[in-house]
C-alpha atoms as a PDB file:
ATOM      1  CA  MET A   1      21.250  -5.758 -21.566  1.00  0.00           C
ATOM      2  CA  ASP A   2      20.892  -1.542 -22.598  1.00  0.00           C
ATOM      3  CA  ARG A   3      16.919  -1.664 -25.214  1.00  0.00           C
ATOM      4  CA  LYS A   4      16.930   2.357 -25.846  1.00  0.00           C
ATOM      5  CA  ILE A   5      16.922   2.820 -29.350  1.00  0.00           C
ATOM      6  CA  ASN A   6      18.158   6.471 -30.145  1.00  0.00           C
ATOM      7  CA  GLY A   7      17.126   7.180 -26.971  1.00  0.00           C
ATOM      8  CA  SER A   8      13.640   7.356 -27.585  1.00  0.00           C
ATOM      9  CA  SER A   9      12.231   4.536 -25.214  1.00  0.00           C
ATOM     10  CA  LYS A  10      10.749   4.108 -21.860  1.00  0.00           C
ATOM     11  CA  LYS A  11      12.842   2.904 -18.984  1.00  0.00           C
ATOM     12  CA  VAL A  12      12.228   2.542 -15.275  1.00  0.00           C
ATOM     13  CA  ALA A  13      14.231   1.792 -12.228  1.00  0.00           C
ATOM     14  CA  ILE A  14      12.017   0.586  -9.766  1.00  0.00           C
ATOM     15  CA  ILE A  15      13.500   0.167  -5.956  1.00  0.00           C
ATOM     16  CA  GLY A  16      12.887  -2.900  -3.269  1.00  0.00           C
ATOM     17  CA  ALA A  17      11.942  -5.671  -5.370  1.00  0.00           C
ATOM     18  CA  GLY A  18       9.204  -6.118  -2.513  1.00  0.00           C
ATOM     19  CA  TYR A  19       5.954  -6.774  -2.896  1.00  0.00           C
ATOM     20  CA  VAL A  20       5.013  -3.587  -3.649  1.00  0.00           C
ATOM     21  CA  GLY A  21       8.326  -3.242  -6.471  1.00  0.00           C
ATOM     22  CA  GLY A  22       6.600  -7.167  -7.815  1.00  0.00           C
ATOM     23  CA  THR A  23       3.191  -5.434  -8.126  1.00  0.00           C
ATOM     24  CA  ILE A  24       3.920  -2.378 -10.113  1.00  0.00           C
ATOM     25  CA  ALA A  25       6.500  -3.704 -12.221  1.00  0.00           C
ATOM     26  CA  TYR A  26       3.747  -6.361 -13.145  1.00  0.00           C
ATOM     27  CA  ALA A  27       1.458  -3.800 -13.627  1.00  0.00           C
ATOM     28  CA  MET A  28       2.841  -1.548 -16.112  1.00  0.00           C
ATOM     29  CA  SER A  29       3.841  -4.015 -17.625  1.00  0.00           C
ATOM     30  CA  LEU A  30       0.648  -5.460 -18.849  1.00  0.00           C
ATOM     31  CA  ARG A  31       0.242  -1.741 -19.611  1.00  0.00           C
ATOM     32  CA  GLY A  32       2.940  -0.846 -21.186  1.00  0.00           C
ATOM     33  CA  LEU A  33       4.032   2.252 -20.119  1.00  0.00           C
ATOM     34  CA  ALA A  34       7.606   1.111 -20.043  1.00  0.00           C
ATOM     35  CA  ASP A  35       9.871  -0.914 -22.763  1.00  0.00           C
ATOM     36  CA  GLU A  36      12.038  -1.589 -19.994  1.00  0.00           C
ATOM     37  CA  ILE A  37      11.594  -1.563 -16.480  1.00  0.00           C
ATOM     38  CA  VAL A  38      15.147  -2.542 -14.563  1.00  0.00           C
ATOM     39  CA  LEU A  39      14.311  -4.162 -10.059  1.00  0.00           C
ATOM     40  CA  ILE A  40      17.226  -2.979  -8.181  1.00  0.00           C
ATOM     41  CA  ASP A  41      17.387  -4.663  -4.254  1.00  0.00           C
ATOM     42  CA  LYS A  42      19.509  -4.822  -2.054  1.00  0.00           C
ATOM     43  CA  ASN A  43      18.814  -8.564  -2.134  1.00  0.00           C
ATOM     44  CA  PRO A  44      19.535  -9.395  -6.477  1.00  0.00           C
ATOM     45  CA  SER A  45      18.508 -12.936  -6.067  1.00  0.00           C
ATOM     46  CA  LYS A  46      15.579 -11.210  -5.677  1.00  0.00           C
ATOM     47  CA  ALA A  47      14.809  -8.830  -8.327  1.00  0.00           C
ATOM     48  CA  GLN A  48      16.118 -12.124 -10.691  1.00  0.00           C
ATOM     49  CA  GLY A  49      13.212 -13.650  -9.627  1.00  0.00           C
ATOM     50  CA  GLU A  50      10.968 -11.585  -9.838  1.00  0.00           C
ATOM     51  CA  ALA A  51      12.102 -10.287 -12.792  1.00  0.00           C
ATOM     52  CA  LEU A  52      12.038 -13.174 -14.292  1.00  0.00           C
ATOM     53  CA  ASP A  53       8.101 -14.062 -12.572  1.00  0.00           C
ATOM     54  CA  ILE A  54       7.211 -11.484 -15.334  1.00  0.00           C
ATOM     55  CA  ARG A  55       8.508 -11.960 -18.064  1.00  0.00           C
ATOM     56  CA  HIS A  56       7.702 -15.738 -18.361  1.00  0.00           C
ATOM     57  CA  GLY A  57       4.202 -14.150 -17.669  1.00  0.00           C
ATOM     58  CA  VAL A  58       3.895 -11.676 -20.956  1.00  0.00           C
ATOM     59  CA  PRO A  59       5.079 -13.168 -23.572  1.00  0.00           C
ATOM     60  CA  GLY A  60       2.093 -12.311 -26.260  1.00  0.00           C
ATOM     61  CA  ILE A  61       0.899  -9.812 -24.259  1.00  0.00           C
ATOM     62  CA  ALA A  62       3.333  -7.100 -22.822  1.00  0.00           C
ATOM     63  CA  THR A  63       6.213  -5.959 -24.679  1.00  0.00           C
ATOM     64  CA  THR A  64       7.966  -4.505 -21.995  1.00  0.00           C
ATOM     65  CA  PHE A  65      11.911  -5.943 -20.709  1.00  0.00           C
ATOM     66  CA  VAL A  66      11.879  -6.752 -17.145  1.00  0.00           C
ATOM     67  CA  ARG A  67      15.073  -7.486 -15.605  1.00  0.00           C
ATOM     68  CA  ALA A  68      17.561  -7.260 -12.252  1.00  0.00           C
ATOM     69  CA  GLY A  69      19.642  -4.428 -11.925  1.00  0.00           C
ATOM     70  CA  SER A  70      21.036  -2.214 -10.102  1.00  0.00           C
ATOM     71  CA  TYR A  71      22.065   1.058  -9.022  1.00  0.00           C
ATOM     72  CA  SER A  72      24.771   2.554 -12.106  1.00  0.00           C
ATOM     73  CA  ASP A  73      20.779   2.290 -14.501  1.00  0.00           C
ATOM     74  CA  CYS A  74      18.828   4.680 -12.971  1.00  0.00           C
ATOM     75  CA  ARG A  75      21.610   7.070 -15.518  1.00  0.00           C
ATOM     76  CA  ASP A  76      19.568   6.626 -18.283  1.00  0.00           C
ATOM     77  CA  SER A  77      16.327   6.373 -16.893  1.00  0.00           C
ATOM     78  CA  ASP A  78      12.914   8.485 -17.259  1.00  0.00           C
ATOM     79  CA  MET A  79      11.743   7.791 -14.053  1.00  0.00           C
ATOM     80  CA  ILE A  80      12.556   6.000 -10.810  1.00  0.00           C
ATOM     81  CA  ILE A  81      11.173   4.532  -8.397  1.00  0.00           C
ATOM     82  CA  VAL A  82      11.714   4.055  -4.064  1.00  0.00           C
ATOM     83  CA  THR A  83       9.344   1.090  -2.809  1.00  0.00           C
ATOM     84  CA  ALA A  84      12.289   0.220  -0.803  1.00  0.00           C
ATOM     85  CA  GLY A  85      11.390  -0.320   2.663  1.00  0.00           C
ATOM     86  CA  ARG A  86      10.178  -2.010   5.538  1.00  0.00           C
ATOM     87  CA  ASN A  87       6.391  -2.478   5.778  1.00  0.00           C
ATOM     88  CA  ARG A  88       2.750  -2.460   8.250  1.00  0.00           C
ATOM     89  CA  LYS A  89       2.672  -5.666  10.875  1.00  0.00           C
ATOM     90  CA  PRO A  90      -1.301  -5.618  11.952  1.00  0.00           C
ATOM     91  CA  GLY A  91      -1.711  -3.670  14.487  1.00  0.00           C
ATOM     92  CA  GLU A  92       1.647  -0.881  13.286  1.00  0.00           C
ATOM     93  CA  SER A  93       0.738   2.716  12.429  1.00  0.00           C
ATOM     94  CA  ARG A  94       2.833   4.102   9.053  1.00  0.00           C
ATOM     95  CA  LEU A  95       4.467   6.543  11.743  1.00  0.00           C
ATOM     96  CA  ASP A  96       6.040   2.877  13.333  1.00  0.00           C
ATOM     97  CA  LEU A  97       7.868   3.087  10.640  1.00  0.00           C
ATOM     98  CA  THR A  98       9.646   6.015  10.728  1.00  0.00           C
ATOM     99  CA  SER A  99      12.924   5.151  12.339  1.00  0.00           C
ATOM    100  CA  ASP A 100      13.360   1.666  10.049  1.00  0.00           C
ATOM    101  CA  ASN A 101      12.815   3.689   6.466  1.00  0.00           C
ATOM    102  CA  ALA A 102      14.471   6.778   7.190  1.00  0.00           C
ATOM    103  CA  LYS A 103      17.641   4.291   7.204  1.00  0.00           C
ATOM    104  CA  ILE A 104      16.475   2.491   5.126  1.00  0.00           C
ATOM    105  CA  ILE A 105      15.863   6.059   2.153  1.00  0.00           C
ATOM    106  CA  GLY A 106      18.763   7.126   3.468  1.00  0.00           C
ATOM    107  CA  GLU A 107      21.427   4.959   2.180  1.00  0.00           C
ATOM    108  CA  VAL A 108      18.960   4.691  -1.105  1.00  0.00           C
ATOM    109  CA  ALA A 109      19.541   7.807  -1.577  1.00  0.00           C
ATOM    110  CA  GLY A 110      23.432   7.601  -0.670  1.00  0.00           C
ATOM    111  CA  GLN A 111      23.811   5.408  -3.494  1.00  0.00           C
ATOM    112  CA  LEU A 112      21.213   6.655  -6.305  1.00  0.00           C
ATOM    113  CA  ALA A 113      23.176  10.023  -5.989  1.00  0.00           C
ATOM    114  CA  PRO A 114      25.959   9.742  -8.772  1.00  0.00           C
ATOM    115  CA  HIS A 115      23.983   7.889 -10.672  1.00  0.00           C
ATOM    116  CA  TYR A 116      20.974  10.396 -10.678  1.00  0.00           C
ATOM    117  CA  SER A 117      20.644  11.714 -14.530  1.00  0.00           C
ATOM    118  CA  GLY A 118      17.447  13.721 -13.450  1.00  0.00           C
ATOM    119  CA  SER A 119      15.015  11.847 -13.893  1.00  0.00           C
ATOM    120  CA  ALA A 120      11.803  12.506 -11.543  1.00  0.00           C
ATOM    121  CA  ILE A 121      11.978  10.513  -8.649  1.00  0.00           C
ATOM    122  CA  LEU A 122       8.436   8.442  -6.972  1.00  0.00           C
ATOM    123  CA  VAL A 123       9.093   7.554  -3.463  1.00  0.00           C
ATOM    124  CA  VAL A 124       5.716   4.674  -2.158  1.00  0.00           C
ATOM    125  CA  THR A 125       7.593   3.631   1.124  1.00  0.00           C
ATOM    126  CA  ASN A 126       5.306   4.770   3.810  1.00  0.00           C
ATOM    127  CA  PRO A 127       5.744   7.375   5.952  1.00  0.00           C
ATOM    128  CA  VAL A 128       5.764   8.944   2.748  1.00  0.00           C
ATOM    129  CA  ASP A 129       5.614  12.021   3.310  1.00  0.00           C
ATOM    130  CA  ILE A 130       8.445  11.696   5.706  1.00  0.00           C
ATOM    131  CA  MET A 131       9.902   9.730   3.498  1.00  0.00           C
ATOM    132  CA  VAL A 132       9.656  12.506   0.573  1.00  0.00           C
ATOM    133  CA  THR A 133      10.975  14.763   2.630  1.00  0.00           C
ATOM    134  CA  CYS A 134      13.704  12.089   4.227  1.00  0.00           C
ATOM    135  CA  CYS A 135      14.835  11.510  -0.224  1.00  0.00           C
ATOM    136  CA  ALA A 136      14.345  15.313  -1.072  1.00  0.00           C
ATOM    137  CA  SER A 137      17.249  16.311   2.356  1.00  0.00           C
ATOM    138  CA  LYS A 138      19.072  13.766   1.082  1.00  0.00           C
ATOM    139  CA  MET A 139      19.637  14.209  -3.010  1.00  0.00           C
ATOM    140  CA  ASP A 140      18.695  18.374  -3.193  1.00  0.00           C
ATOM    141  CA  LEU A 141      17.400  18.339  -6.244  1.00  0.00           C
ATOM    142  CA  PRO A 142      14.899  21.034  -7.879  1.00  0.00           C
ATOM    143  CA  PRO A 143      11.680  21.650  -5.490  1.00  0.00           C
ATOM    144  CA  GLY A 144       9.261  18.640  -6.727  1.00  0.00           C
ATOM    145  CA  ARG A 145      11.660  16.729  -7.735  1.00  0.00           C
ATOM    146  CA  VAL A 146      11.330  14.085  -5.715  1.00  0.00           C
ATOM    147  CA  PHE A 147       7.768  13.373  -4.689  1.00  0.00           C
ATOM    148  CA  GLY A 148       5.795  10.529  -3.199  1.00  0.00           C
ATOM    149  CA  THR A 149       2.230   8.829  -4.179  1.00  0.00           C
ATOM    150  CA  GLY A 150       0.795  10.748  -0.576  1.00  0.00           C
ATOM    151  CA  CYS A 151      -3.084  10.395  -0.298  1.00  0.00           C
ATOM    152  CA  ILE A 152      -3.582   9.786  -4.201  1.00  0.00           C
ATOM    153  CA  LEU A 153      -4.203   6.067  -2.585  1.00  0.00           C
ATOM    154  CA  ASP A 154      -6.335   7.805  -0.567  1.00  0.00           C
ATOM    155  CA  THR A 155      -8.320  10.151  -2.373  1.00  0.00           C
ATOM    156  CA  SER A 156      -9.266   6.926  -4.391  1.00  0.00           C
ATOM    157  CA  ARG A 157     -10.816   4.957  -1.548  1.00  0.00           C
ATOM    158  CA  LEU A 158     -12.763   8.137  -1.131  1.00  0.00           C
ATOM    159  CA  VAL A 159     -13.774   7.968  -4.334  1.00  0.00           C
ATOM    160  CA  SER A 160     -15.243   4.334  -4.071  1.00  0.00           C
ATOM    161  CA  CYS A 161     -16.989   4.578  -0.932  1.00  0.00           C
ATOM    162  CA  LEU A 162     -18.579   7.960  -2.841  1.00  0.00           C
ATOM    163  CA  SER A 163     -19.591   6.285  -5.183  1.00  0.00           C
ATOM    164  CA  ASP A 164     -21.804   3.854  -3.088  1.00  0.00           C
ATOM    165  CA  PHE A 165     -22.882   6.176  -1.231  1.00  0.00           C
ATOM    166  CA  PHE A 166     -24.231   8.811  -3.684  1.00  0.00           C
ATOM    167  CA  SER A 167     -25.106   5.453  -6.055  1.00  0.00           C
ATOM    168  CA  ILE A 168     -23.560   7.486  -9.430  1.00  0.00           C
ATOM    169  CA  GLY A 169     -20.001   6.313 -11.171  1.00  0.00           C
ATOM    170  CA  ALA A 170     -16.863   7.438  -9.972  1.00  0.00           C
ATOM    171  CA  ASP A 171     -16.574   9.415 -12.828  1.00  0.00           C
ATOM    172  CA  GLY A 172     -19.157  11.823 -11.765  1.00  0.00           C
ATOM    173  CA  ILE A 173     -17.162  12.217  -8.835  1.00  0.00           C
ATOM    174  CA  ASN A 174     -14.493  14.562  -7.898  1.00  0.00           C
ATOM    175  CA  VAL A 175     -13.017  15.408  -5.050  1.00  0.00           C
ATOM    176  CA  HIS A 176      -9.365  14.979  -3.006  1.00  0.00           C
ATOM    177  CA  ILE A 177      -8.186  13.690   1.034  1.00  0.00           C
ATOM    178  CA  VAL A 178      -4.902  15.912   1.802  1.00  0.00           C
ATOM    179  CA  GLY A 179      -2.654  16.606   4.881  1.00  0.00           C
ATOM    180  CA  GLY A 180      -0.642  12.887   5.905  1.00  0.00           C
ATOM    181  CA  HIS A 181      -1.089   9.291   4.410  1.00  0.00           C
ATOM    182  CA  GLY A 182      -2.595   7.866   7.551  1.00  0.00           C
ATOM    183  CA  GLU A 183      -3.954   9.613  10.915  1.00  0.00           C
ATOM    184  CA  ALA A 184      -2.938  13.660   9.364  1.00  0.00           C
ATOM    185  CA  GLN A 185      -5.699  12.692   6.458  1.00  0.00           C
ATOM    186  CA  PHE A 186      -8.595  14.966   6.429  1.00  0.00           C
ATOM    187  CA  PRO A 187     -11.281  15.440   3.074  1.00  0.00           C
ATOM    188  CA  LEU A 188     -11.393  19.108   0.501  1.00  0.00           C
ATOM    189  CA  TRP A 189     -15.288  18.759   1.354  1.00  0.00           C
ATOM    190  CA  SER A 190     -15.639  21.821   1.061  1.00  0.00           C
ATOM    191  CA  ARG A 191     -14.519  21.242  -2.968  1.00  0.00           C
ATOM    192  CA  ALA A 192     -15.943  18.420  -3.895  1.00  0.00           C
ATOM    193  CA  TYR A 193     -18.254  18.218  -6.695  1.00  0.00           C
ATOM    194  CA  VAL A 194     -20.654  15.259  -7.419  1.00  0.00           C
ATOM    195  CA  SER A 195     -22.076  15.108 -11.355  1.00  0.00           C
ATOM    196  CA  GLY A 196     -20.738  19.177 -11.351  1.00  0.00           C
ATOM    197  CA  LEU A 197     -22.349  20.201  -8.087  1.00  0.00           C
ATOM    198  CA  SER A 198     -20.608  20.872  -5.075  1.00  0.00           C
ATOM    199  CA  VAL A 199     -20.889  17.821  -2.407  1.00  0.00           C
ATOM    200  CA  ASP A 200     -24.135  20.355  -0.775  1.00  0.00           C
ATOM    201  CA  GLU A 201     -26.050  21.495  -3.452  1.00  0.00           C
ATOM    202  CA  TYR A 202     -25.758  17.283  -5.137  1.00  0.00           C
ATOM    203  CA  CYS A 203     -27.023  16.383  -1.425  1.00  0.00           C
ATOM    204  CA  ASP A 204     -29.749  18.966  -1.767  1.00  0.00           C
ATOM    205  CA  ALA A 205     -30.870  18.545  -5.130  1.00  0.00           C
ATOM    206  CA  MET A 206     -31.694  14.697  -4.750  1.00  0.00           C
ATOM    207  CA  ASP A 207     -32.717  14.756  -1.225  1.00  0.00           C
ATOM    208  CA  ILE A 208     -29.745  13.410   0.147  1.00  0.00           C
ATOM    209  CA  LEU A 209     -28.669  13.491   4.073  1.00  0.00           C
ATOM    210  CA  TRP A 210     -25.676  14.910   3.466  1.00  0.00           C
ATOM    211  CA  ASP A 211     -24.342  15.947   7.516  1.00  0.00           C
ATOM    212  CA  ASP A 212     -21.345  15.353   9.220  1.00  0.00           C
ATOM    213  CA  ALA A 213     -22.470  12.115  10.915  1.00  0.00           C
ATOM    214  CA  ALA A 214     -22.347  11.272   7.017  1.00  0.00           C
ATOM    215  CA  LYS A 215     -19.016  12.115   6.608  1.00  0.00           C
ATOM    216  CA  ASP A 216     -17.790  11.033   9.396  1.00  0.00           C
ATOM    217  CA  GLU A 217     -18.470   7.396   8.950  1.00  0.00           C
ATOM    218  CA  ILE A 218     -16.807   7.488   5.269  1.00  0.00           C
ATOM    219  CA  MET A 219     -13.556   8.661   6.529  1.00  0.00           C
ATOM    220  CA  GLY A 220     -14.561   5.971   8.928  1.00  0.00           C
ATOM    221  CA  LYS A 221     -14.235   3.156   6.035  1.00  0.00           C
ATOM    222  CA  VAL A 222     -11.901   4.852   4.630  1.00  0.00           C
ATOM    223  CA  LYS A 223      -8.975   5.222   7.412  1.00  0.00           C
ATOM    224  CA  SER A 224      -9.241   2.226   8.759  1.00  0.00           C
ATOM    225  CA  MET A 225      -8.570   0.453   4.688  1.00  0.00           C
ATOM    226  CA  GLY A 226      -5.092  -0.032   4.100  1.00  0.00           C
ATOM    227  CA  SER A 227      -5.044  -1.118   8.030  1.00  0.00           C
ATOM    228  CA  ASP A 228      -8.258  -3.192   7.755  1.00  0.00           C
ATOM    229  CA  ILE A 229      -6.200  -5.183   3.848  1.00  0.00           C
ATOM    230  CA  ILE A 230      -3.029  -5.551   6.626  1.00  0.00           C
ATOM    231  CA  LYS A 231      -5.097  -7.649   8.506  1.00  0.00           C
ATOM    232  CA  ALA A 232      -6.931  -9.403   6.415  1.00  0.00           C
ATOM    233  CA  LYS A 233      -4.041 -11.073   4.346  1.00  0.00           C
ATOM    234  CA  GLU A 234      -1.117  -9.180   5.625  1.00  0.00           C
ATOM    235  CA  ARG A 235       0.539  -6.557   3.100  1.00  0.00           C
ATOM    236  CA  THR A 236      -1.560  -3.884   0.554  1.00  0.00           C
ATOM    237  CA  HIS A 237      -0.278  -3.385  -3.071  1.00  0.00           C
ATOM    238  CA  TYR A 238      -2.386  -3.955  -5.713  1.00  0.00           C
ATOM    239  CA  GLY A 239      -3.918  -0.760  -4.567  1.00  0.00           C
ATOM    240  CA  ILE A 240      -1.267   0.895  -4.697  1.00  0.00           C
ATOM    241  CA  ALA A 241       0.081  -0.252  -7.660  1.00  0.00           C
ATOM    242  CA  THR A 242      -2.889   0.788  -9.860  1.00  0.00           C
ATOM    243  CA  CYS A 243      -1.842   4.532  -8.398  1.00  0.00           C
ATOM    244  CA  VAL A 244       1.747   4.102  -9.525  1.00  0.00           C
ATOM    245  CA  CYS A 245       0.406   2.758 -12.978  1.00  0.00           C
ATOM    246  CA  TYR A 246      -1.623   5.862 -13.545  1.00  0.00           C
ATOM    247  CA  LEU A 247       0.944   8.992 -12.645  1.00  0.00           C
ATOM    248  CA  ALA A 248       3.687   6.585 -14.689  1.00  0.00           C
ATOM    249  CA  ASP A 249       1.423   7.288 -16.989  1.00  0.00           C
ATOM    250  CA  ARG A 250       1.533  11.083 -16.451  1.00  0.00           C
ATOM    251  CA  ILE A 251       5.553  11.487 -16.452  1.00  0.00           C
ATOM    252  CA  LEU A 252       6.780   8.876 -19.110  1.00  0.00           C
ATOM    253  CA  ASN A 253       4.166  10.046 -21.291  1.00  0.00           C
ATOM    254  CA  ARG A 254       4.324  13.610 -20.688  1.00  0.00           C
ATOM    255  CA  LYS A 255       1.007  13.962 -19.739  1.00  0.00           C
ATOM    256  CA  THR A 256      -0.155  16.147 -16.719  1.00  0.00           C
ATOM    257  CA  ALA A 257      -3.006  15.629 -14.073  1.00  0.00           C
ATOM    258  CA  VAL A 258      -4.190  16.703 -10.616  1.00  0.00           C
ATOM    259  CA  VAL A 259      -3.818  14.658  -8.059  1.00  0.00           C
ATOM    260  CA  SER A 260      -3.135  14.856  -5.043  1.00  0.00           C
ATOM    261  CA  VAL A 261       0.426  14.012  -4.370  1.00  0.00           C
ATOM    262  CA  SER A 262       3.231  14.773  -1.949  1.00  0.00           C
ATOM    263  CA  SER A 263       6.210  17.105  -1.744  1.00  0.00           C
ATOM    264  CA  VAL A 264       7.824  19.391   0.244  1.00  0.00           C
ATOM    265  CA  LEU A 265       6.041  22.350   0.204  1.00  0.00           C
ATOM    266  CA  GLN A 266       7.099  25.923  -0.432  1.00  0.00           C
ATOM    267  CA  GLY A 267       5.743  28.007   1.995  1.00  0.00           C
ATOM    268  CA  GLU A 268       2.021  27.124   0.564  1.00  0.00           C
ATOM    269  CA  TYR A 269       0.162  27.223   3.147  1.00  0.00           C
ATOM    270  CA  GLY A 270       1.841  28.986   6.236  1.00  0.00           C
ATOM    271  CA  ILE A 271       4.530  25.852   5.982  1.00  0.00           C
ATOM    272  CA  SER A 272       7.442  24.281   4.853  1.00  0.00           C
ATOM    273  CA  GLY A 273      10.543  22.683   4.513  1.00  0.00           C
ATOM    274  CA  VAL A 274       7.872  19.439   5.570  1.00  0.00           C
ATOM    275  CA  ALA A 275       6.256  17.086   2.172  1.00  0.00           C
ATOM    276  CA  LEU A 276       2.454  17.730   2.976  1.00  0.00           C
ATOM    277  CA  SER A 277       0.129  16.129   0.515  1.00  0.00           C
ATOM    278  CA  ILE A 278      -2.811  19.168  -1.577  1.00  0.00           C
ATOM    279  CA  PRO A 279      -3.547  18.797  -5.114  1.00  0.00           C
ATOM    280  CA  SER A 280      -0.862  18.974  -7.090  1.00  0.00           C
ATOM    281  CA  ILE A 281       0.018  19.012 -10.826  1.00  0.00           C
ATOM    282  CA  VAL A 282       2.262  16.585 -12.510  1.00  0.00           C
ATOM    283  CA  THR A 283       4.246  16.373 -15.237  1.00  0.00           C
ATOM    284  CA  HIS A 284       7.375  14.531 -16.942  1.00  0.00           C
ATOM    285  CA  GLU A 285       9.581  16.463 -13.809  1.00  0.00           C
ATOM    286  CA  GLY A 286       7.510  14.896 -11.267  1.00  0.00           C
ATOM    287  CA  VAL A 287       5.136  17.597  -9.360  1.00  0.00           C
ATOM    288  CA  SER A 288       5.944  21.015 -11.069  1.00  0.00           C
ATOM    289  CA  ARG A 289       3.488  22.922  -9.049  1.00  0.00           C
ATOM    290  CA  ARG A 290       1.423  22.462  -5.254  1.00  0.00           C
ATOM    291  CA  LEU A 291      -2.419  24.165  -5.838  1.00  0.00           C
ATOM    292  CA  GLU A 292      -2.965  27.417  -3.442  1.00  0.00           C
ATOM    293  CA  ASN A 293      -6.897  27.234  -3.624  1.00  0.00           C
ATOM    294  CA  ILE A 294      -9.667  28.811  -1.492  1.00  0.00           C
ATOM    295  CA  TRP A 295     -10.020  26.354   1.724  1.00  0.00           C
ATOM    296  CA  THR A 296     -12.052  26.517   4.737  1.00  0.00           C
ATOM    297  CA  MET A 297     -10.421  28.353   8.040  1.00  0.00           C
ATOM    298  CA  GLU A 298     -10.912  24.743   9.324  1.00  0.00           C
ATOM    299  CA  GLU A 299      -9.367  23.252   6.427  1.00  0.00           C
ATOM    300  CA  THR A 300      -6.124  25.424   6.672  1.00  0.00           C
ATOM    301  CA  GLU A 301      -5.509  24.771  10.177  1.00  0.00           C
ATOM    302  CA  LYS A 302      -6.257  20.504   9.245  1.00  0.00           C
ATOM    303  CA  LEU A 303      -3.400  21.018   7.437  1.00  0.00           C
ATOM    304  CA  ARG A 304      -0.715  23.001   9.361  1.00  0.00           C
ATOM    305  CA  ALA A 305      -1.507  20.133  12.170  1.00  0.00           C
ATOM    306  CA  ALA A 306      -0.687  17.772   9.751  1.00  0.00           C
ATOM    307  CA  ALA A 307       2.162  19.568   9.042  1.00  0.00           C
ATOM    308  CA  ASP A 308       2.532  20.024  12.318  1.00  0.00           C
ATOM    309  CA  VAL A 309       2.854  16.365  13.172  1.00  0.00           C
ATOM    310  CA  LEU A 310       4.819  15.604  10.668  1.00  0.00           C
ATOM    311  CA  SER A 311       7.288  17.851  10.578  1.00  0.00           C
ATOM    312  CA  ASN A 312       8.009  16.119  14.909  1.00  0.00           C
ATOM    313  CA  ALA A 313       8.286  13.073  13.120  1.00  0.00           C
ATOM    314  CA  TYR A 314      10.806  14.493  10.639  1.00  0.00           C
ATOM    315  CA  LYS A 315      13.560  16.118  13.270  1.00  0.00           C
ATOM    316  CA  GLU A 316      13.859  12.756  15.371  1.00  0.00           C
ATOM    317  CA  VAL A 317      14.983  10.792  12.831  1.00  0.00           C
ATOM    318  CA  ARG A 318      17.269  13.345  10.947  1.00  0.00           C
END
């Protein structure tokens, strides 16, 4: 069913109708971000069941039409979201998924390519940086058209922890986690701001102890959150779905945002050919620009080290 009227309606294709894909479709429906959402899955009955479950729950609340479909439905989509892949099991790292999910992403790109018509492609599948590199290589599109959620959720978790630490609202905190989504991530403390002040200035003014021990404790919590949630309930899907909704709002409504998402670097910080998260401008076309700001030497070296880790992992599955 084509619900576009004079080309003005917004259509999103979600490839992968598992917990993450289904939750994204549900969250987007409640937000009213798209007029039509098409769920595509290797198991068509799974996609159909998810679509019906969402549609039956939102009459009177939302007007989004959710249905199951096929790769041909990507042709006129305004945004494509890729969640296909297996999830982490308790005790696994994101990199443990590399081999299995690289094969799946390769198959997805192969089936998507004949129907692709120019929209932004957002990859959610882990390990997201390597999957972005794989998908971008297979699709051979302009830089940034394929990008990934990267460290946007990690950044959200850090902001939440800092909000608790400083006892202020999250809207007063501006900070990014960059690098690889996983062990290769790190915070840009040199460019962190609280209530308009650098974090160091704020702590001095408020007489708050801010040292390496405090930073390490906070980042320890952030890095373990995904594993802790998986250990407790076997999966994570609400947090990432909310982050995807934020990005979808910017893409579908032609807004811009500066967020730490993953795209293949084109020489920034001396790195090329591998996807990493750095603060980036997101528009309706995907990542339009990766911002190359002044970091400390230590932060730049950490980014290059993360690039080496992810580049080597990508070479193993290429």
